[in-house]
Every structure is written in structure tokens, then in C-alpha cells.
Amino acid sequence: MPIYKMVKAQNSQIYRWLKNNRELEFYIKNQLDRASLSSMLNLAEGSSRFSNKDRRNFLVISRGSIFECASVLEFLEEENELPNGFYSELNQGYEEASKTIYYMIKRLDEK
């Protein structure tokens, strides 16, 4: 599942950055960490479901978590809290993941 690998790679980048960041407020770190992990875990759980309705539900939740990550990162970028290029790199990945998951949801809707 290429989308899972893509989201997992994004999650790994976020995890490593948060683990090494001592200055960021706990509540922001916690929110971003949870949303990032949620995007990956909901993809995994959705792939284990047998009904298209269940799969679709987990894809929607995963995509929502991706939007949440992108929003937090946009805020942190505006506050100059991110290393140079980090936002652009991650945002591009989130945009691609979001489009891919959207396409997957639409395909399930057609069935």
C-alpha cells in the first residue's frame, strides 16, 4: 500500500522532529503527534475492514488527520517555529496523501 508508506514516512519525520524539539509547547507537540499517528493508524485499520463502508470511514478519518497536521504545521511555519524547508516538504507530502486518499474514497463511493 504505497499511501500507507507515504503517510508512515511523514509520521516518522514529524515524530523525530517533535522528539528532538525542546522548545515547542507540549500541547502543540501532543496535538501534532496525535494527528500524525492517527493518519497512519486509520489507514492501517481501514485496510483490515471487509466492508467498503467501514473502509471509507477510516479513510475519511485519516484524511481529516492529515488536514489537521497540515493546519498545525502552517501555524508553526507562520510563527517561525519550523526549520527551513520543513513545512514545504511536509506540506507537499500531505497534499499528495490527501489527494490519494480522496481518490480512494471516491472509488469506494462508486462501488
C-alpha atoms as a PDB file:
ATOM      1  CA  MET A   1       0.000   0.000   0.000  1.00  0.00           C
ATOM      2  CA  PRO A   2       2.021   2.987  -1.232  1.00  0.00           C
ATOM      3  CA  ILE A   3      -0.216   5.538   0.516  1.00  0.00           C
ATOM      4  CA  TYR A   4       0.459   3.867   3.855  1.00  0.00           C
ATOM      5  CA  LYS A   5       4.213   4.050   3.272  1.00  0.00           C
ATOM      6  CA  MET A   6       3.924   7.711   2.312  1.00  0.00           C
ATOM      7  CA  VAL A   7       1.944   8.629   5.432  1.00  0.00           C
ATOM      8  CA  LYS A   8       4.220   6.486   7.603  1.00  0.00           C
ATOM      9  CA  ALA A   9       7.264   8.370   6.264  1.00  0.00           C
ATOM     10  CA  GLN A  10       5.552  11.680   7.067  1.00  0.00           C
ATOM     11  CA  ASN A  11       4.773  10.413  10.549  1.00  0.00           C
ATOM     12  CA  SER A  12       8.413   9.394  11.067  1.00  0.00           C
ATOM     13  CA  GLN A  13       9.626  12.879  10.135  1.00  0.00           C
ATOM     14  CA  ILE A  14       7.140  14.506  12.493  1.00  0.00           C
ATOM     15  CA  TYR A  15       7.989  12.072  15.292  1.00  0.00           C
ATOM     16  CA  ARG A  16      11.747  12.633  15.032  1.00  0.00           C
ATOM     17  CA  TRP A  17      11.332  16.416  14.874  1.00  0.00           C
ATOM     18  CA  LEU A  18       8.980  16.505  17.868  1.00  0.00           C
ATOM     19  CA  LYS A  19      11.208  14.176  19.887  1.00  0.00           C
ATOM     20  CA  ASN A  20      14.188  16.487  19.405  1.00  0.00           C
ATOM     21  CA  ASN A  21      12.307  19.754  19.880  1.00  0.00           C
ATOM     22  CA  ARG A  22      12.548  21.002  23.463  1.00  0.00           C
ATOM     23  CA  GLU A  23      11.157  24.498  22.874  1.00  0.00           C
ATOM     24  CA  LEU A  24       7.730  23.811  21.415  1.00  0.00           C
ATOM     25  CA  GLU A  25       4.786  23.921  23.816  1.00  0.00           C
ATOM     26  CA  PHE A  26       3.620  20.496  24.998  1.00  0.00           C
ATOM     27  CA  TYR A  27       0.032  20.924  23.825  1.00  0.00           C
ATOM     28  CA  ILE A  28       1.150  21.698  20.250  1.00  0.00           C
ATOM     29  CA  LYS A  29       3.573  18.760  20.219  1.00  0.00           C
ATOM     30  CA  ASN A  30       0.880  16.473  21.598  1.00  0.00           C
ATOM     31  CA  GLN A  31      -1.743  17.578  19.072  1.00  0.00           C
ATOM     32  CA  LEU A  32       0.576  17.226  16.080  1.00  0.00           C
ATOM     33  CA  ASP A  33       1.893  13.884  17.298  1.00  0.00           C
ATOM     34  CA  ARG A  34      -1.612  12.500  17.803  1.00  0.00           C
ATOM     35  CA  ALA A  35      -2.910  13.747  14.449  1.00  0.00           C
ATOM     36  CA  SER A  36       0.118  12.398  12.602  1.00  0.00           C
ATOM     37  CA  LEU A  37      -0.161   8.998  14.233  1.00  0.00           C
ATOM     38  CA  SER A  38      -3.919   8.968  13.629  1.00  0.00           C
ATOM     39  CA  SER A  39      -3.456   9.492   9.889  1.00  0.00           C
ATOM     40  CA  MET A  40      -1.233   6.413   9.697  1.00  0.00           C
ATOM     41  CA  LEU A  41      -3.174   4.176  12.086  1.00  0.00           C
ATOM     42  CA  ASN A  42      -6.545   4.848  10.473  1.00  0.00           C
ATOM     43  CA  LEU A  43      -5.135   3.875   7.076  1.00  0.00           C
ATOM     44  CA  ALA A  44      -3.871   0.638   8.582  1.00  0.00           C
ATOM     45  CA  GLU A  45      -7.107  -0.136  10.377  1.00  0.00           C
ATOM     46  CA  GLY A  46      -9.219   0.723   7.359  1.00  0.00           C
ATOM     47  CA  SER A  47      -7.267  -1.695   5.188  1.00  0.00           C
ATOM     48  CA  SER A  48      -8.274  -4.522   7.526  1.00  0.00           C
ATOM     49  CA  ARG A  49     -12.005  -3.894   7.110  1.00  0.00           C
ATOM     50  CA  PHE A  50     -14.146  -6.012   4.829  1.00  0.00           C
ATOM     51  CA  SER A  51     -16.974  -3.631   4.006  1.00  0.00           C
ATOM     52  CA  ASN A  52     -16.476  -0.610   1.784  1.00  0.00           C
ATOM     53  CA  LYS A  53     -18.481   1.482   4.231  1.00  0.00           C
ATOM     54  CA  ASP A  54     -16.049   0.686   7.057  1.00  0.00           C
ATOM     55  CA  ARG A  55     -13.009   1.240   4.834  1.00  0.00           C
ATOM     56  CA  ARG A  56     -14.395   4.564   3.680  1.00  0.00           C
ATOM     57  CA  ASN A  57     -14.962   5.709   7.263  1.00  0.00           C
ATOM     58  CA  PHE A  58     -11.335   5.072   8.221  1.00  0.00           C
ATOM     59  CA  LEU A  59     -10.082   6.777   5.057  1.00  0.00           C
ATOM     60  CA  VAL A  60     -12.155   9.862   5.872  1.00  0.00           C
ATOM     61  CA  ILE A  61     -10.747   9.957   9.404  1.00  0.00           C
ATOM     62  CA  SER A  62      -7.193   9.515   8.108  1.00  0.00           C
ATOM     63  CA  ARG A  63      -7.658  12.349   5.607  1.00  0.00           C
ATOM     64  CA  GLY A  64      -9.070  14.575   8.345  1.00  0.00           C
ATOM     65  CA  SER A  65      -5.994  13.908  10.464  1.00  0.00           C
ATOM     66  CA  ILE A  66      -3.787  14.849   7.514  1.00  0.00           C
ATOM     67  CA  PHE A  67      -5.622  18.167   7.239  1.00  0.00           C
ATOM     68  CA  GLU A  68      -5.117  18.646  10.965  1.00  0.00           C
ATOM     69  CA  CYS A  69      -1.355  18.070  10.626  1.00  0.00           C
ATOM     70  CA  ALA A  70      -1.139  20.477   7.706  1.00  0.00           C
ATOM     71  CA  SER A  71      -3.020  23.110   9.683  1.00  0.00           C
ATOM     72  CA  VAL A  72      -0.771  22.825  12.740  1.00  0.00           C
ATOM     73  CA  LEU A  73       2.335  22.965  10.554  1.00  0.00           C
ATOM     74  CA  GLU A  74       1.015  26.009   8.709  1.00  0.00           C
ATOM     75  CA  PHE A  75       0.533  27.741  12.058  1.00  0.00           C
ATOM     76  CA  LEU A  76       4.026  26.755  13.223  1.00  0.00           C
ATOM     77  CA  GLU A  77       5.516  27.982   9.943  1.00  0.00           C
ATOM     78  CA  GLU A  78       3.817  31.357  10.368  1.00  0.00           C
ATOM     79  CA  GLU A  79       5.217  31.532  13.901  1.00  0.00           C
ATOM     80  CA  ASN A  80       8.742  30.714  12.643  1.00  0.00           C
ATOM     81  CA  GLU A  81       8.866  27.529  14.710  1.00  0.00           C
ATOM     82  CA  LEU A  82       9.927  25.173  11.890  1.00  0.00           C
ATOM     83  CA  PRO A  83      13.338  24.538  10.342  1.00  0.00           C
ATOM     84  CA  ASN A  84      13.854  25.954   6.852  1.00  0.00           C
ATOM     85  CA  GLY A  85      12.142  23.869   4.187  1.00  0.00           C
ATOM     86  CA  PHE A  86      10.449  21.559   6.679  1.00  0.00           C
ATOM     87  CA  TYR A  87       6.973  22.994   6.103  1.00  0.00           C
ATOM     88  CA  SER A  88       7.250  22.898   2.312  1.00  0.00           C
ATOM     89  CA  GLU A  89       8.492  19.322   2.308  1.00  0.00           C
ATOM     90  CA  LEU A  90       5.821  18.036   4.664  1.00  0.00           C
ATOM     91  CA  ASN A  91       3.016  20.102   3.184  1.00  0.00           C
ATOM     92  CA  GLN A  92       3.755  18.709  -0.265  1.00  0.00           C
ATOM     93  CA  GLY A  93       3.581  15.183   1.140  1.00  0.00           C
ATOM     94  CA  TYR A  94       0.325  15.896   2.949  1.00  0.00           C
ATOM     95  CA  GLU A  95      -1.190  17.359  -0.204  1.00  0.00           C
ATOM     96  CA  GLU A  96      -0.270  14.266  -2.201  1.00  0.00           C
ATOM     97  CA  ALA A  97      -1.562  11.937   0.532  1.00  0.00           C
ATOM     98  CA  SER A  98      -4.808  13.893   0.799  1.00  0.00           C
ATOM     99  CA  LYS A  99      -5.419  13.674  -2.954  1.00  0.00           C
ATOM    100  CA  THR A 100      -4.648   9.963  -2.999  1.00  0.00           C
ATOM    101  CA  ILE A 101      -6.988   9.217  -0.116  1.00  0.00           C
ATOM    102  CA  TYR A 102      -9.694  11.386  -1.692  1.00  0.00           C
ATOM    103  CA  TYR A 103      -9.379   9.327  -4.868  1.00  0.00           C
ATOM    104  CA  MET A 104      -9.627   6.107  -2.818  1.00  0.00           C
ATOM    105  CA  ILE A 105     -12.783   7.377  -1.101  1.00  0.00           C
ATOM    106  CA  LYS A 106     -14.363   8.295  -4.448  1.00  0.00           C
ATOM    107  CA  ARG A 107     -13.567   4.854  -5.823  1.00  0.00           C
ATOM    108  CA  LEU A 108     -15.283   3.236  -2.840  1.00  0.00           C
ATOM    109  CA  ASP A 109     -18.295   5.510  -3.349  1.00  0.00           C
ATOM    110  CA  GLU A 110     -18.636   4.253  -6.932  1.00  0.00           C
ATOM    111  CA  LYS A 111     -18.914   0.622  -5.832  1.00  0.00           C
END
